[in-house]
Amino acid sequence: MQLQEKTMVADTLTGINGELIRFGEMIPQTENKELKQTLKQFRNACEQSQEELYQIARDKSYYVPAQKATQEEINHVKSLFTEKTL
């Protein structure tokens, strides 16, 4: 069975997003400044790759973003974080 381009792009984006999560977990846990800087560089490269693949997916209509939130929805979410209870 041959993978389609859309599936390959989606799988790659999923993998990159997982790596970004792992870098986000590792960076604050290291005290070694050189290692921390290297991890940040890797994270930045992953973010760049993610952005490029995302743009390809958008251009080819492999990914259609959700509808933008209304101002009412935005205000509601903001209120959840500004009120004392969540």
PDB file of N, CA and C in Angstrom:
ATOM      1  N   MET A   1       0.844  -1.187   0.000  1.00  0.00           N
ATOM      2  CA  MET A   1       0.000   0.000   0.000  1.00  0.00           C
ATOM      3  C   MET A   1       0.883   1.242   0.000  1.00  0.00           C
ATOM      4  N   GLN A   2       0.646   2.109  -0.919  1.00  0.00           N
ATOM      5  CA  GLN A   2       1.453   3.317  -1.058  1.00  0.00           C
ATOM      6  C   GLN A   2       0.832   4.463  -0.253  1.00  0.00           C
ATOM      7  N   LEU A   3       1.686   5.130   0.543  1.00  0.00           N
ATOM      8  CA  LEU A   3       1.192   6.268   1.317  1.00  0.00           C
ATOM      9  C   LEU A   3       0.941   7.454   0.399  1.00  0.00           C
ATOM     10  N   GLN A   4      -0.119   8.150   0.660  1.00  0.00           N
ATOM     11  CA  GLN A   4      -0.409   9.351  -0.094  1.00  0.00           C
ATOM     12  C   GLN A   4       0.332  10.519   0.536  1.00  0.00           C
ATOM     13  N   GLU A   5       0.590  11.532  -0.276  1.00  0.00           N
ATOM     14  CA  GLU A   5       1.320  12.708   0.195  1.00  0.00           C
ATOM     15  C   GLU A   5       0.625  13.350   1.394  1.00  0.00           C
ATOM     16  N   LYS A   6      -0.694  13.441   1.351  1.00  0.00           N
ATOM     17  CA  LYS A   6      -1.446  14.057   2.445  1.00  0.00           C
ATOM     18  C   LYS A   6      -1.186  13.316   3.759  1.00  0.00           C
ATOM     19  N   THR A   7      -1.190  12.002   3.713  1.00  0.00           N
ATOM     20  CA  THR A   7      -0.948  11.188   4.901  1.00  0.00           C
ATOM     21  C   THR A   7       0.472  11.384   5.406  1.00  0.00           C
ATOM     22  N   MET A   8       1.421  11.439   4.486  1.00  0.00           N
ATOM     23  CA  MET A   8       2.815  11.624   4.889  1.00  0.00           C
ATOM     24  C   MET A   8       3.023  12.989   5.548  1.00  0.00           C
ATOM     25  N   VAL A   9       2.409  14.023   5.008  1.00  0.00           N
ATOM     26  CA  VAL A   9       2.526  15.361   5.602  1.00  0.00           C
ATOM     27  C   VAL A   9       1.902  15.362   6.991  1.00  0.00           C
ATOM     28  N   ALA A  10       0.725  14.774   7.120  1.00  0.00           N
ATOM     29  CA  ALA A  10       0.046  14.734   8.422  1.00  0.00           C
ATOM     30  C   ALA A  10       0.868  13.952   9.446  1.00  0.00           C
ATOM     31  N   ASP A  11       1.416  12.815   9.041  1.00  0.00           N
ATOM     32  CA  ASP A  11       2.234  12.012   9.959  1.00  0.00           C
ATOM     33  C   ASP A  11       3.495  12.755  10.378  1.00  0.00           C
ATOM     34  N   THR A  12       4.112  13.450   9.439  1.00  0.00           N
ATOM     35  CA  THR A  12       5.321  14.201   9.744  1.00  0.00           C
ATOM     36  C   THR A  12       5.013  15.346  10.696  1.00  0.00           C
ATOM     37  N   LEU A  13       3.911  16.047  10.462  1.00  0.00           N
ATOM     38  CA  LEU A  13       3.517  17.128  11.372  1.00  0.00           C
ATOM     39  C   LEU A  13       3.252  16.590  12.779  1.00  0.00           C
ATOM     40  N   THR A  14       2.624  15.448  12.871  1.00  0.00           N
ATOM     41  CA  THR A  14       2.369  14.835  14.177  1.00  0.00           C
ATOM     42  C   THR A  14       3.683  14.517  14.880  1.00  0.00           C
ATOM     43  N   GLY A  15       4.640  13.971  14.144  1.00  0.00           N
ATOM     44  CA  GLY A  15       5.942  13.664  14.722  1.00  0.00           C
ATOM     45  C   GLY A  15       6.678  14.908  15.195  1.00  0.00           C
ATOM     46  N   ILE A  16       6.666  15.940  14.377  1.00  0.00           N
ATOM     47  CA  ILE A  16       7.339  17.194  14.747  1.00  0.00           C
ATOM     48  C   ILE A  16       6.672  17.810  15.975  1.00  0.00           C
ATOM     49  N   ASN A  17       5.361  17.782  16.023  1.00  0.00           N
ATOM     50  CA  ASN A  17       4.661  18.331  17.185  1.00  0.00           C
ATOM     51  C   ASN A  17       5.028  17.569  18.455  1.00  0.00           C
ATOM     52  N   GLY A  18       5.196  16.271  18.345  1.00  0.00           N
ATOM     53  CA  GLY A  18       5.636  15.472  19.486  1.00  0.00           C
ATOM     54  C   GLY A  18       7.039  15.857  19.939  1.00  0.00           C
ATOM     55  N   GLU A  19       7.920  16.086  18.977  1.00  0.00           N
ATOM     56  CA  GLU A  19       9.286  16.512  19.313  1.00  0.00           C
ATOM     57  C   GLU A  19       9.271  17.874  20.001  1.00  0.00           C
ATOM     58  N   LEU A  20       8.437  18.777  19.537  1.00  0.00           N
ATOM     59  CA  LEU A  20       8.342  20.099  20.162  1.00  0.00           C
ATOM     60  C   LEU A  20       7.893  19.980  21.621  1.00  0.00           C
ATOM     61  N   ILE A  21       6.978  19.071  21.871  1.00  0.00           N
ATOM     62  CA  ILE A  21       6.536  18.841  23.257  1.00  0.00           C
ATOM     63  C   ILE A  21       7.705  18.335  24.092  1.00  0.00           C
ATOM     64  N   ARG A  22       8.459  17.374  23.548  1.00  0.00           N
ATOM     65  CA  ARG A  22       9.596  16.825  24.298  1.00  0.00           C
ATOM     66  C   ARG A  22      10.665  17.879  24.557  1.00  0.00           C
ATOM     67  N   PHE A  23      10.960  18.713  23.567  1.00  0.00           N
ATOM     68  CA  PHE A  23      11.931  19.789  23.795  1.00  0.00           C
ATOM     69  C   PHE A  23      11.417  20.740  24.874  1.00  0.00           C
ATOM     70  N   GLY A  24      10.120  21.038  24.848  1.00  0.00           N
ATOM     71  CA  GLY A  24       9.531  21.905  25.856  1.00  0.00           C
ATOM     72  C   GLY A  24       9.644  21.330  27.256  1.00  0.00           C
ATOM     73  N   GLU A  25       9.664  20.017  27.359  1.00  0.00           N
ATOM     74  CA  GLU A  25       9.832  19.368  28.656  1.00  0.00           C
ATOM     75  C   GLU A  25      11.299  19.316  29.081  1.00  0.00           C
ATOM     76  N   MET A  26      12.186  19.093  28.123  1.00  0.00           N
ATOM     77  CA  MET A  26      13.614  18.924  28.444  1.00  0.00           C
ATOM     78  C   MET A  26      14.316  20.232  28.775  1.00  0.00           C
ATOM     79  N   ILE A  27      14.021  21.277  28.034  1.00  0.00           N
ATOM     80  CA  ILE A  27      14.759  22.538  28.177  1.00  0.00           C
ATOM     81  C   ILE A  27      14.745  23.060  29.610  1.00  0.00           C
ATOM     82  N   PRO A  28      13.602  23.159  30.268  1.00  0.00           N
ATOM     83  CA  PRO A  28      13.631  23.702  31.627  1.00  0.00           C
ATOM     84  C   PRO A  28      14.215  22.741  32.668  1.00  0.00           C
ATOM     85  N   GLN A  29      14.412  21.476  32.295  1.00  0.00           N
ATOM     86  CA  GLN A  29      14.896  20.493  33.255  1.00  0.00           C
ATOM     87  C   GLN A  29      16.413  20.374  33.300  1.00  0.00           C
ATOM     88  N   THR A  30      17.122  21.027  32.392  1.00  0.00           N
ATOM     89  CA  THR A  30      18.570  20.913  32.393  1.00  0.00           C
ATOM     90  C   THR A  30      19.208  22.154  32.990  1.00  0.00           C
ATOM     91  N   GLU A  31      20.259  21.924  33.744  1.00  0.00           N
ATOM     92  CA  GLU A  31      21.005  23.038  34.315  1.00  0.00           C
ATOM     93  C   GLU A  31      22.228  23.375  33.480  1.00  0.00           C
ATOM     94  N   ASN A  32      22.610  22.480  32.575  1.00  0.00           N
ATOM     95  CA  ASN A  32      23.779  22.680  31.722  1.00  0.00           C
ATOM     96  C   ASN A  32      23.423  23.710  30.648  1.00  0.00           C
ATOM     97  N   LYS A  33      24.074  24.862  30.707  1.00  0.00           N
ATOM     98  CA  LYS A  33      23.730  25.965  29.792  1.00  0.00           C
ATOM     99  C   LYS A  33      23.987  25.610  28.337  1.00  0.00           C
ATOM    100  N   GLU A  34      25.068  24.881  28.070  1.00  0.00           N
ATOM    101  CA  GLU A  34      25.364  24.500  26.686  1.00  0.00           C
ATOM    102  C   GLU A  34      24.308  23.540  26.146  1.00  0.00           C
ATOM    103  N   LEU A  35      23.939  22.567  26.968  1.00  0.00           N
ATOM    104  CA  LEU A  35      22.903  21.624  26.549  1.00  0.00           C
ATOM    105  C   LEU A  35      21.578  22.352  26.347  1.00  0.00           C
ATOM    106  N   LYS A  36      21.253  23.249  27.255  1.00  0.00           N
ATOM    107  CA  LYS A  36      20.009  24.018  27.149  1.00  0.00           C
ATOM    108  C   LYS A  36      19.988  24.806  25.840  1.00  0.00           C
ATOM    109  N   GLN A  37      21.115  25.437  25.491  1.00  0.00           N
ATOM    110  CA  GLN A  37      21.195  26.211  24.248  1.00  0.00           C
ATOM    111  C   GLN A  37      21.052  25.310  23.025  1.00  0.00           C
ATOM    112  N   THR A  38      21.686  24.138  23.072  1.00  0.00           N
ATOM    113  CA  THR A  38      21.583  23.183  21.961  1.00  0.00           C
ATOM    114  C   THR A  38      20.146  22.712  21.788  1.00  0.00           C
ATOM    115  N   LEU A  39      19.477  22.395  22.903  1.00  0.00           N
ATOM    116  CA  LEU A  39      18.077  21.962  22.828  1.00  0.00           C
ATOM    117  C   LEU A  39      17.193  23.067  22.263  1.00  0.00           C
ATOM    118  N   LYS A  40      17.477  24.305  22.630  1.00  0.00           N
ATOM    119  CA  LYS A  40      16.710  25.438  22.097  1.00  0.00           C
ATOM    120  C   LYS A  40      16.915  25.566  20.588  1.00  0.00           C
ATOM    121  N   GLN A  41      18.142  25.334  20.129  1.00  0.00           N
ATOM    122  CA  GLN A  41      18.415  25.395  18.689  1.00  0.00           C
ATOM    123  C   GLN A  41      17.660  24.292  17.956  1.00  0.00           C
ATOM    124  N   PHE A  42      17.667  23.076  18.539  1.00  0.00           N
ATOM    125  CA  PHE A  42      16.908  21.977  17.943  1.00  0.00           C
ATOM    126  C   PHE A  42      15.419  22.303  17.910  1.00  0.00           C
ATOM    127  N   ARG A  43      14.912  22.860  19.005  1.00  0.00           N
ATOM    128  CA  ARG A  43      13.501  23.228  19.076  1.00  0.00           C
ATOM    129  C   ARG A  43      13.161  24.264  17.998  1.00  0.00           C
ATOM    130  N   ASN A  44      14.034  25.268  17.845  1.00  0.00           N
ATOM    131  CA  ASN A  44      13.788  26.298  16.829  1.00  0.00           C
ATOM    132  C   ASN A  44      13.774  25.710  15.431  1.00  0.00           C
ATOM    133  N   ALA A  45      14.683  24.764  15.160  1.00  0.00           N
ATOM    134  CA  ALA A  45      14.702  24.104  13.847  1.00  0.00           C
ATOM    135  C   ALA A  45      13.418  23.302  13.643  1.00  0.00           C
ATOM    136  N   CYS A  46      12.954  22.627  14.692  1.00  0.00           N
ATOM    137  CA  CYS A  46      11.692  21.880  14.603  1.00  0.00           C
ATOM    138  C   CYS A  46      10.526  22.816  14.331  1.00  0.00           C
ATOM    139  N   GLU A  47      10.507  23.953  15.005  1.00  0.00           N
ATOM    140  CA  GLU A  47       9.429  24.917  14.796  1.00  0.00           C
ATOM    141  C   GLU A  47       9.430  25.420  13.352  1.00  0.00           C
ATOM    142  N   GLN A  48      10.603  25.650  12.802  1.00  0.00           N
ATOM    143  CA  GLN A  48      10.705  26.105  11.418  1.00  0.00           C
ATOM    144  C   GLN A  48      10.181  25.033  10.463  1.00  0.00           C
ATOM    145  N   SER A  49      10.564  23.780  10.704  1.00  0.00           N
ATOM    146  CA  SER A  49      10.077  22.678   9.866  1.00  0.00           C
ATOM    147  C   SER A  49       8.563  22.536   9.980  1.00  0.00           C
ATOM    148  N   GLN A  50       8.062  22.666  11.197  1.00  0.00           N
ATOM    149  CA  GLN A  50       6.631  22.558  11.416  1.00  0.00           C
ATOM    150  C   GLN A  50       5.890  23.645  10.645  1.00  0.00           C
ATOM    151  N   GLU A  51       6.407  24.855  10.693  1.00  0.00           N
ATOM    152  CA  GLU A  51       5.769  25.972   9.994  1.00  0.00           C
ATOM    153  C   GLU A  51       5.784  25.757   8.473  1.00  0.00           C
ATOM    154  N   GLU A  52       6.902  25.260   7.950  1.00  0.00           N
ATOM    155  CA  GLU A  52       6.996  25.011   6.511  1.00  0.00           C
ATOM    156  C   GLU A  52       6.019  23.921   6.074  1.00  0.00           C
ATOM    157  N   LEU A  53       5.954  22.831   6.831  1.00  0.00           N
ATOM    158  CA  LEU A  53       5.021  21.755   6.486  1.00  0.00           C
ATOM    159  C   LEU A  53       3.573  22.194   6.645  1.00  0.00           C
ATOM    160  N   TYR A  54       3.305  22.976   7.669  1.00  0.00           N
ATOM    161  CA  TYR A  54       1.957  23.508   7.866  1.00  0.00           C
ATOM    162  C   TYR A  54       1.544  24.335   6.651  1.00  0.00           C
ATOM    163  N   GLN A  55       2.459  25.161   6.151  1.00  0.00           N
ATOM    164  CA  GLN A  55       2.144  25.997   4.991  1.00  0.00           C
ATOM    165  C   GLN A  55       1.891  25.138   3.749  1.00  0.00           C
ATOM    166  N   ILE A  56       2.677  24.083   3.584  1.00  0.00           N
ATOM    167  CA  ILE A  56       2.450  23.163   2.462  1.00  0.00           C
ATOM    168  C   ILE A  56       1.065  22.538   2.589  1.00  0.00           C
ATOM    169  N   ALA A  57       0.725  22.086   3.792  1.00  0.00           N
ATOM    170  CA  ALA A  57      -0.583  21.465   4.022  1.00  0.00           C
ATOM    171  C   ALA A  57      -1.711  22.453   3.729  1.00  0.00           C
ATOM    172  N   ARG A  58      -1.546  23.701   4.137  1.00  0.00           N
ATOM    173  CA  ARG A  58      -2.567  24.726   3.847  1.00  0.00           C
ATOM    174  C   ARG A  58      -2.680  24.978   2.347  1.00  0.00           C
ATOM    175  N   ASP A  59      -1.513  25.142   1.691  1.00  0.00           N
ATOM    176  CA  ASP A  59      -1.508  25.433   0.254  1.00  0.00           C
ATOM    177  C   ASP A  59      -2.176  24.334  -0.560  1.00  0.00           C
ATOM    178  N   LYS A  60      -2.021  23.080  -0.136  1.00  0.00           N
ATOM    179  CA  LYS A  60      -2.577  21.950  -0.879  1.00  0.00           C
ATOM    180  C   LYS A  60      -3.949  21.533  -0.345  1.00  0.00           C
ATOM    181  N   SER A  61      -4.482  22.317   0.578  1.00  0.00           N
ATOM    182  CA  SER A  61      -5.785  22.040   1.195  1.00  0.00           C
ATOM    183  C   SER A  61      -5.811  20.702   1.925  1.00  0.00           C
ATOM    184  N   TYR A  62      -4.642  20.260   2.423  1.00  0.00           N
ATOM    185  CA  TYR A  62      -4.597  19.063   3.254  1.00  0.00           C
ATOM    186  C   TYR A  62      -5.074  19.406   4.660  1.00  0.00           C
ATOM    187  N   TYR A  63      -4.947  20.653   5.013  1.00  0.00           N
ATOM    188  CA  TYR A  63      -5.341  21.117   6.338  1.00  0.00           C
ATOM    189  C   TYR A  63      -6.142  22.396   6.169  1.00  0.00           C
ATOM    190  N   VAL A  64      -7.303  22.416   6.760  1.00  0.00           N
ATOM    191  CA  VAL A  64      -8.129  23.616   6.753  1.00  0.00           C
ATOM    192  C   VAL A  64      -8.307  24.011   8.215  1.00  0.00           C
ATOM    193  N   PRO A  65      -7.801  25.185   8.603  1.00  0.00           N
ATOM    194  CA  PRO A  65      -7.903  25.590  10.005  1.00  0.00           C
ATOM    195  C   PRO A  65      -9.347  25.798  10.430  1.00  0.00           C
ATOM    196  N   ALA A  66      -9.547  25.678  11.714  1.00  0.00           N
ATOM    197  CA  ALA A  66     -10.886  25.904  12.266  1.00  0.00           C
ATOM    198  C   ALA A  66     -11.301  27.352  12.034  1.00  0.00           C
ATOM    199  N   GLN A  67     -12.583  27.574  12.056  1.00  0.00           N
ATOM    200  CA  GLN A  67     -13.112  28.926  11.910  1.00  0.00           C
ATOM    201  C   GLN A  67     -12.584  29.791  13.059  1.00  0.00           C
ATOM    202  N   LYS A  68     -12.300  31.050  12.753  1.00  0.00           N
ATOM    203  CA  LYS A  68     -11.803  31.958  13.780  1.00  0.00           C
ATOM    204  C   LYS A  68     -12.867  32.175  14.848  1.00  0.00           C
ATOM    205  N   ALA A  69     -12.393  32.322  16.079  1.00  0.00           N
ATOM    206  CA  ALA A  69     -13.292  32.549  17.207  1.00  0.00           C
ATOM    207  C   ALA A  69     -13.954  33.916  17.089  1.00  0.00           C
ATOM    208  N   THR A  70     -15.194  33.975  17.545  1.00  0.00           N
ATOM    209  CA  THR A  70     -15.882  35.265  17.573  1.00  0.00           C
ATOM    210  C   THR A  70     -15.362  36.070  18.762  1.00  0.00           C
ATOM    211  N   GLN A  71     -15.635  37.357  18.763  1.00  0.00           N
ATOM    212  CA  GLN A  71     -15.208  38.200  19.883  1.00  0.00           C
ATOM    213  C   GLN A  71     -15.877  37.733  21.169  1.00  0.00           C
ATOM    214  N   GLU A  72     -17.104  37.277  21.072  1.00  0.00           N
ATOM    215  CA  GLU A  72     -17.816  36.770  22.259  1.00  0.00           C
ATOM    216  C   GLU A  72     -17.089  35.542  22.830  1.00  0.00           C
ATOM    217  N   GLU A  73     -16.664  34.640  21.963  1.00  0.00           N
ATOM    218  CA  GLU A  73     -15.940  33.449  22.424  1.00  0.00           C
ATOM    219  C   GLU A  73     -14.595  33.829  23.054  1.00  0.00           C
ATOM    220  N   ILE A  74     -13.916  34.774  22.452  1.00  0.00           N
ATOM    221  CA  ILE A  74     -12.637  35.246  22.987  1.00  0.00           C
ATOM    222  C   ILE A  74     -12.843  35.854  24.367  1.00  0.00           C
ATOM    223  N   ASN A  75     -13.849  36.693  24.493  1.00  0.00           N
ATOM    224  CA  ASN A  75     -14.140  37.328  25.782  1.00  0.00           C
ATOM    225  C   ASN A  75     -14.486  36.293  26.847  1.00  0.00           C
ATOM    226  N   HIS A  76     -15.220  35.259  26.461  1.00  0.00           N
ATOM    227  CA  HIS A  76     -15.584  34.212  27.410  1.00  0.00           C
ATOM    228  C   HIS A  76     -14.337  33.503  27.938  1.00  0.00           C
ATOM    229  N   VAL A  77     -13.433  33.124  27.050  1.00  0.00           N
ATOM    230  CA  VAL A  77     -12.210  32.436  27.473  1.00  0.00           C
ATOM    231  C   VAL A  77     -11.358  33.359  28.344  1.00  0.00           C
ATOM    232  N   LYS A  78     -11.253  34.614  27.955  1.00  0.00           N
ATOM    233  CA  LYS A  78     -10.502  35.579  28.775  1.00  0.00           C
ATOM    234  C   LYS A  78     -11.093  35.672  30.170  1.00  0.00           C
ATOM    235  N   SER A  79     -12.417  35.680  30.243  1.00  0.00           N
ATOM    236  CA  SER A  79     -13.068  35.798  31.555  1.00  0.00           C
ATOM    237  C   SER A  79     -12.772  34.585  32.432  1.00  0.00           C
ATOM    238  N   LEU A  80     -12.595  33.425  31.818  1.00  0.00           N
ATOM    239  CA  LEU A  80     -12.275  32.230  32.592  1.00  0.00           C
ATOM    240  C   LEU A  80     -10.934  32.374  33.310  1.00  0.00           C
ATOM    241  N   PHE A  81     -10.023  33.108  32.710  1.00  0.00           N
ATOM    242  CA  PHE A  81      -8.688  33.254  33.288  1.00  0.00           C
ATOM    243  C   PHE A  81      -8.544  34.498  34.146  1.00  0.00           C
ATOM    244  N   THR A  82      -9.514  35.365  34.097  1.00  0.00           N
ATOM    245  CA  THR A  82      -9.436  36.568  34.924  1.00  0.00           C
ATOM    246  C   THR A  82     -10.322  36.479  36.156  1.00  0.00           C
ATOM    247  N   GLU A  83     -11.280  35.552  36.134  1.00  0.00           N
ATOM    248  CA  GLU A  83     -12.120  35.335  37.317  1.00  0.00           C
ATOM    249  C   GLU A  83     -11.375  34.444  38.299  1.00  0.00           C
ATOM    250  N   LYS A  84     -11.826  34.421  39.522  1.00  0.00           N
ATOM    251  CA  LYS A  84     -11.145  33.660  40.574  1.00  0.00           C
ATOM    252  C   LYS A  84     -11.322  32.162  40.431  1.00  0.00           C
ATOM    253  N   THR A  85     -12.359  31.714  39.775  1.00  0.00           N
ATOM    254  CA  THR A  85     -12.606  30.277  39.628  1.00  0.00           C
ATOM    255  C   THR A  85     -12.578  29.917  38.158  1.00  0.00           C
ATOM    256  N   LEU A  86     -12.091  28.708  37.888  1.00  0.00           N
ATOM    257  CA  LEU A  86     -12.078  28.220  36.510  1.00  0.00           C
ATOM    258  C   LEU A  86     -13.198  27.260  36.287  1.00  0.00           C
TER     259      LEU A  86
END
